[in-house]
Amino acid sequence: MRRIFLLLVVVAACCSAQAQTGVYAEYGVSWFGIPNLSVQSGPTFGLYYQHWGIPFVRVGLDARASFIGSGSEVEDTGLIGPRVQIKPHILPLMPYGEALIGVAHMNVGQGVAHTEGNEFTWALNAGLDLTVLPRIDWRMVDYTYGGIPGNSLQSNPNTVSTGIVVRLP
């Protein structure tokens, strides 16, 4: 009986990670693989909440909005999905990965390669944050590979960005 109680205490201690909320702003470049469309750039804003996990791994949710491009060539997306972050306590580096789904508004391309409308979208995301101050992280790199399967071009945007994360108390 004592062993079972001790095992439960150890499991509870390992599975209780402190909750963390962060807001972030990034700026990145995107290429779509669409004919006659140059590399586009723009900001991404988001919010994540991590609660579940063990001491070195945290799991939560991320919600983000991207506004890539300008003028007549834009891709605006809203995405949400699960997030997993590794937080080694020895180094100030925190790699993370996400699998997101949402909606995209596209108005890109020219001529027969033009596509416009609102479509379902998905994205796989990975990045690396570096703690620079107690509640401030530099998002060194954030790479997103996405898919917009509903449009006529079946585009797969690739985005690389960098930014700042503020972790809230």
Foldseek 3Di string as FASTA:
>chain_A
DVVVVVVVVVVVQFWWDAKWKKKWKKKKWKDWPFPPFDIKIWMKIKMWIWTTGGDFKTKTKIWMWTWIHDDQWTKIWIKMFMKMWGHDPVFQKIKMKTKIKTKMFGADDDDPRTKGDIAIKIKIKIFMWGDPDPFKIKGQKMWIWMFGCPIPVRITMIMIIIIMMGMDD
